């Protein structure tokens, strides 16, 4: 039979606005810190406790008619996070409303599996404890049952994340993959995205881990980053820990160029956090306070712009956490399309409300913890007697920040019993998917990749391909 193969390119897209703009199509969410399930017994003489859970779901926008839109939760896949408790698994689906008196109202039909026993329950909305600004989601739901001896309660706090990439401040020993360097770029799914040697290879830096102190993903998958110390490049000469360099072997911006719009030049300012906006404006933080004659001091907790603006002062960034942010610092950051900032800190601190924050945690300027360091490093199963490995760099791949840059297929050819694909695009991250029909369902051919090439060992009679991009 002659094989028929067609190629179709579908791009994820999003309207980048503030507040309650709903992103079309399907958005993948990860549960964040605070998500939990409770097996409550209102009439029992026992204390009911929240059991932490982690996992994911898809948020799907369905246009039912010109006047009605359905917001659905599908592919719910949660599991208990505490290894010292019996495993609880939760699957199912539901619906969400963002435009009611409650911040986010939810109804769920889920199957809860505990100790080998499965039960399907219907859950309805309960008051949310910690409201979020969309696209962040926060909702509570209680089992809809007359029983007074067993009521399941579910607390969902989630963010639109496909993958979260980070680096630690110190080396980590993993029982799964051995030594993990503090210069490696890691995924919260327990994989190494790029080894430190891969990041610095084109910079011609002598062998050895130079550390990773800030990172972001640029067009065509080029990684922009800073090092934790001054290094020497055979090609570029001295590289300061305050400079921005790239995985393509470029010195993108030197410290003096970053700080010039602020009227200062300090080679030891450091570059602790980095976020590149769509218009090439760079948000960053520095590792020390820099006094300025006749102007405001630049603080290590400020979010600065390459255009000479202070985007967020230290006091403003930490205003929901503490009234005294001096000495805490910012070590990594990510800016969401709604303007919310996630960041890690240089030093541990305790909030005004008594919440302990470690330097390896990811927190929000809205006053909540997004991820504890143990949740990020846990998938690596570290064997070190260290409670917190720090967090020096952060990059997030999100459907809420998908990329609409035009993409051109430049090669599509049968090779070695499969097909080679090559494309050209100024987007940052890609994923190739395949389906038997143009309507799907779609299966992944590659994971998230910075490359613009892929090979698929497809041998069936027909297939459609699409490239997703962020």
Protein backbone atom coordinates (compact mmCIF):
# COMPACT_ATOMS: atom_id res chain seq x y z
CA UNK A 1 0.00 0.00 0.00
CA UNK A 2 1.38 3.43 -0.89
CA UNK A 3 1.97 5.54 2.18
CA UNK A 4 0.21 8.86 2.31
CA UNK A 5 1.63 11.53 4.55
CA UNK A 6 0.50 15.11 4.94
CA UNK A 7 2.10 17.90 6.93
CA UNK A 8 0.16 20.57 8.72
CA UNK A 9 1.57 23.34 10.91
CA UNK A 10 -0.56 24.61 13.76
CA UNK A 11 0.70 27.34 16.05
CA UNK A 12 -0.30 27.93 19.65
CA UNK A 13 -1.29 31.53 20.20
CA UNK A 14 -2.41 33.82 22.97
CA UNK A 15 -3.62 37.36 23.56
CA UNK A 16 -1.24 38.95 26.02
CA UNK A 17 -3.34 41.27 28.16
CA UNK A 18 -4.08 41.76 31.83
CA UNK A 19 -6.78 40.58 34.19
CA UNK A 20 -9.58 38.31 32.95
CA UNK A 21 -8.62 37.71 29.31
CA UNK A 22 -9.25 34.02 28.59
CA UNK A 23 -6.58 32.25 26.54
CA UNK A 24 -8.21 30.25 23.74
CA UNK A 25 -7.86 26.54 23.17
CA UNK A 26 -6.14 24.24 25.66
CA UNK A 27 -3.83 25.40 28.43
CA UNK A 28 -1.79 22.96 30.50
CA UNK A 29 -1.63 23.63 34.24
CA UNK A 30 0.59 22.37 37.05
CA UNK A 31 -0.54 22.37 40.65
CA UNK A 32 1.49 24.73 42.83
CA UNK A 33 2.30 24.77 46.51
CA UNK A 34 -0.78 24.64 48.72
CA UNK A 35 -2.80 22.20 46.60
CA UNK A 36 -4.17 19.48 48.87
CA UNK A 37 -6.91 16.96 49.60
CA UNK A 38 -8.65 16.33 52.93
CA UNK A 39 -10.63 13.30 54.07
CA UNK A 40 -12.82 15.13 56.57
CA UNK A 41 -15.15 13.61 59.14
CA UNK A 42 -17.34 16.37 60.62
CA UNK A 43 -18.71 14.13 63.40
CA UNK A 44 -15.51 12.24 64.27
CA UNK A 45 -13.30 12.94 67.25
CA UNK A 46 -10.19 13.45 65.18
CA UNK A 47 -8.30 16.28 63.55
CA UNK A 48 -8.66 16.37 59.77
CA UNK A 49 -5.53 17.50 57.94
CA UNK A 50 -4.76 18.65 54.44
CA UNK A 51 -2.60 16.18 52.50
CA UNK A 52 -0.41 17.91 49.85
CA UNK A 53 -0.93 16.82 46.23
CA UNK A 54 0.85 17.56 42.98
CA UNK A 55 -0.02 16.94 39.36
CA UNK A 56 -1.58 18.59 36.34
CA UNK A 57 -4.74 19.22 34.34
CA UNK A 58 -5.76 20.90 31.09
CA UNK A 59 -7.91 24.01 31.00
CA UNK A 60 -9.99 23.98 27.83
CA UNK A 61 -12.03 26.87 26.44
CA UNK A 62 -14.96 25.63 24.33
CA UNK A 63 -17.17 28.05 22.40
CA UNK A 64 -20.63 26.45 22.66
CA UNK A 65 -22.35 29.16 20.63
CA UNK A 66 -21.80 32.87 19.88
CA UNK A 67 -23.09 33.78 23.34
CA UNK A 68 -21.81 30.98 25.57
CA UNK A 69 -18.33 29.74 26.43
CA UNK A 70 -17.56 26.65 28.50
CA UNK A 71 -14.43 26.53 30.65
CA UNK A 72 -13.54 22.88 31.27
CA UNK A 73 -10.97 21.09 33.41
CA UNK A 74 -9.87 17.88 31.69
CA UNK A 75 -7.16 15.25 32.08
CA UNK A 76 -7.02 15.75 35.84
CA UNK A 77 -4.10 13.73 37.17
CA UNK A 78 -3.20 14.39 40.82
CA UNK A 79 -1.27 12.28 43.30
CA UNK A 80 -0.40 12.70 46.96
CA UNK A 81 2.99 14.35 47.53
CA UNK A 82 3.82 13.05 51.02
CA UNK A 83 5.68 9.75 50.64
CA UNK A 84 5.02 8.97 54.31
CA UNK A 85 1.26 8.72 53.71
CA UNK A 86 -0.73 6.13 51.71
CA UNK A 87 -0.82 7.03 48.01
CA UNK A 88 -3.91 8.91 46.87
CA UNK A 89 -4.64 9.33 43.17
CA UNK A 90 -7.26 11.66 41.70
CA UNK A 91 -8.51 11.63 38.10
CA UNK A 92 -11.53 13.15 36.39
CA UNK A 93 -12.85 16.37 34.91
CA UNK A 94 -14.87 19.45 35.79
CA UNK A 95 -15.92 22.97 34.88
CA UNK A 96 -14.76 26.40 36.03
CA UNK A 97 -16.30 29.85 36.18
CA UNK A 98 -14.17 32.98 36.38
CA UNK A 99 -16.95 35.56 36.30
CA UNK A 100 -18.96 35.03 39.48
CA UNK A 101 -19.01 36.44 42.99
CA UNK A 102 -16.47 33.83 44.08
CA UNK A 103 -12.94 34.36 42.68
CA UNK A 104 -12.93 31.02 40.81
CA UNK A 105 -15.89 28.62 41.09
CA UNK A 106 -15.46 24.96 40.22
CA UNK A 107 -17.47 21.74 39.95
CA UNK A 108 -15.69 18.40 39.65
CA UNK A 109 -16.46 14.76 38.99
CA UNK A 110 -13.40 12.86 40.14
CA UNK A 111 -12.34 9.33 40.98
CA UNK A 112 -10.34 9.11 44.20
CA UNK A 113 -8.21 6.00 44.69
CA UNK A 114 -6.95 5.31 48.21
CA UNK A 115 -5.56 2.06 49.60
CA UNK A 116 -6.68 0.16 46.50
CA UNK A 117 -10.27 1.38 46.74
CA UNK A 118 -11.73 3.67 44.07
CA UNK A 119 -14.72 5.94 44.50
CA UNK A 120 -16.23 8.54 42.16
CA UNK A 121 -17.51 11.67 43.85
CA UNK A 122 -19.12 14.91 42.73
CA UNK A 123 -17.60 18.05 44.22
CA UNK A 124 -18.99 21.57 44.26
CA UNK A 125 -17.56 24.97 44.93
CA UNK A 126 -16.35 26.11 48.35
CA UNK A 127 -14.90 29.53 49.29
CA UNK A 128 -11.34 29.91 48.00
CA UNK A 129 -8.73 30.66 50.66
CA UNK A 130 -6.24 32.54 48.51
CA UNK A 131 -7.60 34.34 45.42
CA UNK A 132 -5.40 34.49 42.32
CA UNK A 133 -5.16 36.77 39.30
CA UNK A 134 -5.89 34.85 36.08
CA UNK A 135 -4.20 32.95 34.45
CA UNK A 136 -3.34 31.66 37.93
CA UNK A 137 -6.18 29.55 39.28
CA UNK A 138 -7.29 28.94 42.85
CA UNK A 139 -10.43 27.05 43.80
CA UNK A 140 -11.79 24.90 46.61
CA UNK A 141 -14.37 22.13 46.23
CA UNK A 142 -16.18 19.91 48.72
CA UNK A 143 -17.74 16.51 48.15
CA UNK A 144 -21.44 16.93 47.47
CA UNK A 145 -22.75 14.35 49.94
CA UNK A 146 -25.06 14.22 52.98
CA UNK A 147 -22.57 11.99 54.84
CA UNK A 148 -21.20 13.32 58.14
CA UNK A 149 -18.54 10.64 58.45
CA UNK A 150 -16.65 11.27 55.21
CA UNK A 151 -16.42 14.48 53.20
CA UNK A 152 -13.62 14.90 50.69
CA UNK A 153 -12.32 18.44 50.34
CA UNK A 154 -10.03 19.57 47.54
CA UNK A 155 -7.91 22.71 47.31
CA UNK A 156 -6.52 23.55 43.88
CA UNK A 157 -3.84 26.19 43.32
CA UNK A 158 -2.36 26.09 39.84
CA UNK A 159 -0.38 27.94 37.18
CA UNK A 160 -0.24 27.48 33.38
CA UNK A 161 3.10 25.66 33.12
CA UNK A 162 4.30 23.20 30.51
CA UNK A 163 7.75 23.00 32.06
CA UNK A 164 9.81 24.89 34.60
CA UNK A 165 13.57 25.13 34.10
CA UNK A 166 15.94 26.14 36.88
CA UNK A 167 19.41 25.80 38.33
CA UNK A 168 20.45 25.21 41.92
CA UNK A 169 22.93 27.31 43.89
CA UNK A 170 25.00 24.29 44.93
CA UNK A 171 25.80 20.90 43.42
CA UNK A 172 23.36 18.07 44.06
CA UNK A 173 23.88 14.31 44.18
CA UNK A 174 21.00 12.42 42.59
CA UNK A 175 20.33 8.72 43.18
CA UNK A 176 18.93 8.67 39.63
CA UNK A 177 21.62 10.41 37.58
CA UNK A 178 24.59 10.94 39.86
CA UNK A 179 26.18 14.37 40.20
CA UNK A 180 24.06 17.35 39.14
CA UNK A 181 26.06 20.57 38.87
CA UNK A 182 24.89 23.99 39.98
CA UNK A 183 25.64 25.14 36.44
CA UNK A 184 23.28 22.59 34.83
CA UNK A 185 19.88 23.71 33.58
CA UNK A 186 17.27 21.41 35.13
CA UNK A 187 13.59 20.61 34.59
CA UNK A 188 11.15 20.21 37.45
CA UNK A 189 10.27 16.82 35.90
CA UNK A 190 13.63 15.50 37.03
CA UNK A 191 15.72 15.80 33.86
CA UNK A 192 18.73 17.84 32.81
CA UNK A 193 17.76 20.21 30.00
CA UNK A 194 21.33 21.32 29.31
CA UNK A 195 24.55 20.33 31.02
CA UNK A 196 26.78 23.24 31.98
CA UNK A 197 29.35 22.14 29.39
CA UNK A 198 26.67 22.35 26.67
CA UNK A 199 25.76 25.89 27.73
CA UNK A 200 29.34 27.14 27.64
CA UNK A 201 30.74 25.03 24.78
CA UNK A 202 30.57 27.75 22.12
CA UNK A 203 31.98 30.32 24.52
CA UNK A 204 35.21 28.28 24.57
CA UNK A 205 35.50 28.32 28.33
CA UNK A 206 37.95 25.77 29.76
CA UNK A 207 36.43 22.62 31.20
CA UNK A 208 34.77 23.02 34.57
CA UNK A 209 31.41 24.07 35.97
CA UNK A 210 31.18 27.88 35.80
CA UNK A 211 27.80 28.01 37.52
CA UNK A 212 24.54 29.41 36.22
CA UNK A 213 23.33 32.58 37.92
CA UNK A 214 20.50 33.78 35.65
CA UNK A 215 18.87 32.52 32.47
CA UNK A 216 16.14 33.14 29.92
CA UNK A 217 15.22 31.63 26.56
CA UNK A 218 15.68 33.83 23.53
CA UNK A 219 14.53 33.53 19.90
CA UNK A 220 15.43 30.29 18.09
CA UNK A 221 16.12 28.56 21.36
CA UNK A 222 19.22 30.58 22.18
CA UNK A 223 19.81 30.62 25.94
CA UNK A 224 20.84 33.91 27.52
CA UNK A 225 22.57 33.59 30.89
CA UNK A 226 25.14 34.85 33.36
CA UNK A 227 27.79 32.89 35.23
CA UNK A 228 28.34 32.78 38.98
CA UNK A 229 31.96 33.92 38.69
CA UNK A 230 34.31 35.72 36.33
CA UNK A 231 35.65 33.39 33.62
CA UNK A 232 38.02 33.53 30.68
CA UNK A 233 36.83 32.71 27.16
CA UNK A 234 39.36 31.68 24.55
CA UNK A 235 37.24 33.48 21.93
CA UNK A 236 35.70 36.41 23.83
CA UNK A 237 38.32 37.10 26.46
CA UNK A 238 37.32 37.95 30.06
CA UNK A 239 33.63 37.40 30.88
CA UNK A 240 32.30 39.01 34.03
CA UNK A 241 29.62 37.46 36.24
CA UNK A 242 27.74 40.69 35.48
CA UNK A 243 27.67 40.08 31.70
CA UNK A 244 24.95 38.40 29.64
CA UNK A 245 26.31 35.66 27.38
CA UNK A 246 24.53 33.10 25.21
CA UNK A 247 24.65 29.43 24.31
CA UNK A 248 25.50 30.52 20.75
CA UNK A 249 28.86 31.79 22.02
CA UNK A 250 28.03 35.49 22.11
CA UNK A 251 28.65 38.15 24.73
CA UNK A 252 25.23 39.73 24.37
CA UNK A 253 25.57 42.62 26.83
CA UNK A 254 28.36 43.59 29.16
CA UNK A 255 27.73 44.91 32.65
CA UNK A 256 28.66 48.45 31.68
CA UNK A 257 26.04 48.43 28.91
CA UNK A 258 23.32 47.18 31.25
CA UNK A 259 24.07 49.76 33.93
CA UNK A 260 24.87 52.74 31.68
CA UNK A 261 21.22 53.92 31.49
CA UNK A 262 21.32 54.25 35.29
CA UNK A 263 24.46 56.37 35.16
CA UNK A 264 26.67 53.87 36.98
CA UNK A 265 29.43 51.42 36.10
CA UNK A 266 30.27 48.73 38.63
CA UNK A 267 31.99 45.60 37.26
CA UNK A 268 31.09 43.77 40.49
CA UNK A 269 27.37 44.58 40.33
CA UNK A 270 26.60 40.98 39.40
CA UNK A 271 23.63 39.71 37.43
CA UNK A 272 21.38 37.61 39.63
CA UNK A 273 18.10 37.50 37.68
CA UNK A 274 17.22 37.85 34.02
CA UNK A 275 14.00 38.09 32.00
CA UNK A 276 13.90 39.09 28.31
CA UNK A 277 10.66 40.71 27.19
CA UNK A 278 9.20 40.37 23.71
CA UNK A 279 10.49 43.82 22.71
CA UNK A 280 14.06 42.88 23.77
CA UNK A 281 13.83 44.97 26.93
CA UNK A 282 15.70 43.14 29.67
CA UNK A 283 14.55 42.93 33.28
CA UNK A 284 17.33 42.06 35.71
CA UNK A 285 18.55 42.28 39.28
CA UNK A 286 22.00 42.92 40.71
CA UNK A 287 23.85 41.26 43.60
CA UNK A 288 24.76 44.38 45.60
CA UNK A 289 23.35 47.79 46.43
CA UNK A 290 24.76 50.62 44.27
CA UNK A 291 24.48 54.18 45.61
CA UNK A 292 23.99 56.91 42.99
CA UNK A 293 24.86 60.55 43.39
CA UNK A 294 21.69 62.62 43.21
CA UNK A 295 19.52 59.61 42.45
CA UNK A 296 17.87 56.65 44.16
CA UNK A 297 20.14 53.83 45.29
CA UNK A 298 19.85 50.69 43.20
CA UNK A 299 19.03 47.83 45.57
CA UNK A 300 19.78 44.15 45.13
CA UNK A 301 16.05 43.48 45.51
CA UNK A 302 14.99 45.93 42.77
CA UNK A 303 13.81 44.74 39.35
CA UNK A 304 15.71 46.91 36.86
CA UNK A 305 15.27 47.48 33.12
CA UNK A 306 17.92 47.76 30.42
CA UNK A 307 16.11 50.97 29.45
CA UNK A 308 17.10 52.61 32.72
CA UNK A 309 13.83 52.13 34.60
CA UNK A 310 13.24 50.64 38.02
CA UNK A 311 10.37 48.26 37.21
CA UNK A 312 9.77 47.27 40.84
CA UNK A 313 11.50 48.67 43.86
CA UNK A 314 12.68 46.24 46.51
CA UNK A 315 10.05 47.57 48.93
CA UNK A 316 7.25 47.18 46.39
CA UNK A 317 8.27 43.68 45.27
CA UNK A 318 8.29 42.39 48.85
CA UNK A 319 5.36 44.48 50.11
CA UNK A 320 3.06 41.44 50.55
CA UNK A 321 5.80 39.55 52.36
CA UNK A 322 7.64 41.85 54.71
CA UNK A 323 7.96 45.51 55.62
CA UNK A 324 11.76 45.26 55.67
CA UNK A 325 13.23 43.66 52.52
CA UNK A 326 16.75 45.01 52.97
CA UNK A 327 19.39 42.31 52.53
CA UNK A 328 17.07 39.66 51.07
CA UNK A 329 17.85 40.19 47.38
CA UNK A 330 16.41 38.66 44.21
CA UNK A 331 18.16 35.66 42.67
CA UNK A 332 15.88 34.58 39.79
CA UNK A 333 12.67 35.88 38.25
CA UNK A 334 9.92 35.25 35.73
CA UNK A 335 7.35 37.84 34.64
CA UNK A 336 3.91 36.51 33.66
CA UNK A 337 1.77 38.11 30.91
CA UNK A 338 -0.57 39.49 33.61
CA UNK A 339 2.38 41.36 35.17
CA UNK A 340 2.74 39.04 38.17
CA UNK A 341 6.35 38.31 39.12
CA UNK A 342 7.64 34.99 40.42
CA UNK A 343 11.09 35.10 41.97
CA UNK A 344 13.57 33.46 44.30
CA UNK A 345 15.66 35.27 46.89
CA UNK A 346 19.35 35.50 47.67
CA UNK A 347 18.80 34.83 51.36
CA UNK A 348 16.28 33.06 53.58
CA UNK A 349 13.74 35.21 55.41
CA UNK A 350 10.57 34.96 57.46
CA UNK A 351 7.51 36.87 56.30
CA UNK A 352 5.65 39.30 58.50
CA UNK A 353 3.01 36.58 58.87
CA UNK A 354 5.57 34.08 60.13
CA UNK A 355 5.98 32.07 56.92
CA UNK A 356 9.58 30.82 56.50
CA UNK A 357 10.94 31.34 52.97
CA UNK A 358 14.10 29.60 51.80
CA UNK A 359 16.40 30.96 49.11
CA UNK A 360 15.49 28.01 46.88
CA UNK A 361 11.71 28.61 46.98
CA UNK A 362 9.78 30.34 44.19
CA UNK A 363 7.45 33.00 45.57
CA UNK A 364 5.04 35.48 43.98
CA UNK A 365 4.87 39.23 44.41
CA UNK A 366 1.19 38.53 45.16
CA UNK A 367 2.19 37.01 48.50
CA UNK A 368 2.05 33.24 48.03
CA UNK A 369 4.54 30.40 47.64
CA UNK A 370 4.49 28.91 44.13
CA UNK A 371 6.97 26.05 44.63
CA UNK A 372 9.09 24.96 47.55
CA UNK A 373 12.65 24.00 46.68
CA UNK A 374 12.01 20.42 47.80
CA UNK A 375 9.21 20.12 45.22
CA UNK A 376 11.57 21.25 42.44
CA UNK A 377 14.49 19.03 43.39
CA UNK A 378 12.43 16.07 44.66
CA UNK A 379 12.12 14.37 41.24
CA UNK A 380 15.95 14.06 41.21
CA UNK A 381 15.79 12.13 44.49
CA UNK A 382 18.78 13.96 46.03
CA UNK A 383 20.88 12.02 48.53
CA UNK A 384 22.53 15.06 50.13
CA UNK A 385 21.67 16.03 53.69
CA UNK A 386 20.65 19.49 52.46
CA UNK A 387 17.20 20.95 53.02
CA UNK A 388 17.49 23.65 50.34
CA UNK A 389 19.72 23.68 47.24
CA UNK A 390 18.98 27.30 46.33
CA UNK A 391 17.57 28.60 43.05
CA UNK A 392 19.88 30.71 40.88
CA UNK A 393 18.06 30.68 37.53
CA UNK A 394 14.46 30.32 36.37
CA UNK A 395 12.68 30.00 33.01
CA UNK A 396 9.06 28.92 32.48
CA UNK A 397 7.41 27.52 29.35
CA UNK A 398 3.72 28.40 29.47
CA UNK A 399 0.74 28.23 27.14
CA UNK A 400 -0.14 31.67 28.52
CA UNK A 401 2.98 32.97 26.75
CA UNK A 402 2.78 30.97 23.52
CA UNK A 403 4.48 32.40 20.44
CA UNK A 404 2.77 33.42 17.18
CA UNK A 405 5.99 33.91 15.20
CA UNK A 406 5.60 32.52 11.65
CA UNK A 407 7.30 29.16 11.15
CA UNK A 408 8.53 27.74 7.86
CA UNK A 409 9.16 24.07 7.16
CA UNK A 410 12.42 23.83 5.21
CA UNK A 411 12.85 20.05 5.18
CA UNK A 412 10.49 17.10 5.37
CA UNK A 413 12.00 13.92 4.02
CA UNK A 414 11.93 10.13 4.55
CA UNK A 415 15.11 9.02 6.35
CA UNK A 416 16.06 5.72 8.04
CA UNK A 417 12.55 4.28 8.15
CA UNK A 418 11.03 7.52 9.39
CA UNK A 419 10.94 11.21 8.63
CA UNK A 420 13.26 14.15 9.29
CA UNK A 421 11.68 17.53 9.96
CA UNK A 422 13.50 20.84 9.98
CA UNK A 423 11.94 24.26 10.36
CA UNK A 424 12.91 27.90 10.77
CA UNK A 425 11.29 30.08 13.41
CA UNK A 426 12.13 32.90 15.78
CA UNK A 427 10.07 31.24 18.53
CA UNK A 428 11.83 29.97 21.66
CA UNK A 429 10.71 26.40 22.37
CA UNK A 430 9.12 23.74 20.17
CA UNK A 431 7.33 20.41 20.28
CA UNK A 432 6.44 18.14 17.37
CA UNK A 433 3.20 16.15 17.49
CA UNK A 434 1.64 13.54 15.18
CA UNK A 435 -1.90 12.32 14.52
CA UNK A 436 -3.57 9.84 12.21
CA UNK A 437 -6.19 12.43 11.21
CA UNK A 438 -6.09 16.19 11.11
CA UNK A 439 -8.59 16.39 13.98
CA UNK A 440 -6.37 14.32 16.29
CA UNK A 441 -5.86 13.03 18.87
CA UNK A 442 -2.25 14.24 18.78
CA UNK A 443 0.68 12.28 20.21
CA UNK A 444 4.02 13.84 21.06
CA UNK A 445 6.96 13.03 18.80
CA UNK A 446 9.42 15.13 20.78
CA UNK A 447 9.50 16.64 24.22
CA UNK A 448 9.96 20.38 24.61
CA UNK A 449 13.05 21.22 22.59
CA UNK A 450 15.21 24.23 21.77
CA UNK A 451 16.22 22.61 18.47
CA UNK A 452 14.52 23.21 15.13
CA UNK A 453 14.97 19.66 13.89
CA UNK A 454 13.28 16.37 14.72
CA UNK A 455 13.19 12.75 13.54
CA UNK A 456 10.13 10.51 13.79
CA UNK A 457 10.28 6.73 13.36
CA UNK A 458 6.76 6.71 11.94
CA UNK A 459 5.97 3.66 9.78
CA UNK A 460 2.17 3.82 9.47
CA UNK A 461 0.07 4.40 6.32
CA UNK A 462 -0.69 8.09 6.98
CA UNK A 463 0.10 10.87 9.43
CA UNK A 464 -0.36 14.54 10.08
CA UNK A 465 2.26 16.60 11.93
CA UNK A 466 2.05 19.86 13.78
CA UNK A 467 4.67 21.98 15.52
CA UNK A 468 3.71 23.70 18.73
CA UNK A 469 5.81 26.64 19.79
CA UNK A 470 6.29 28.94 22.73
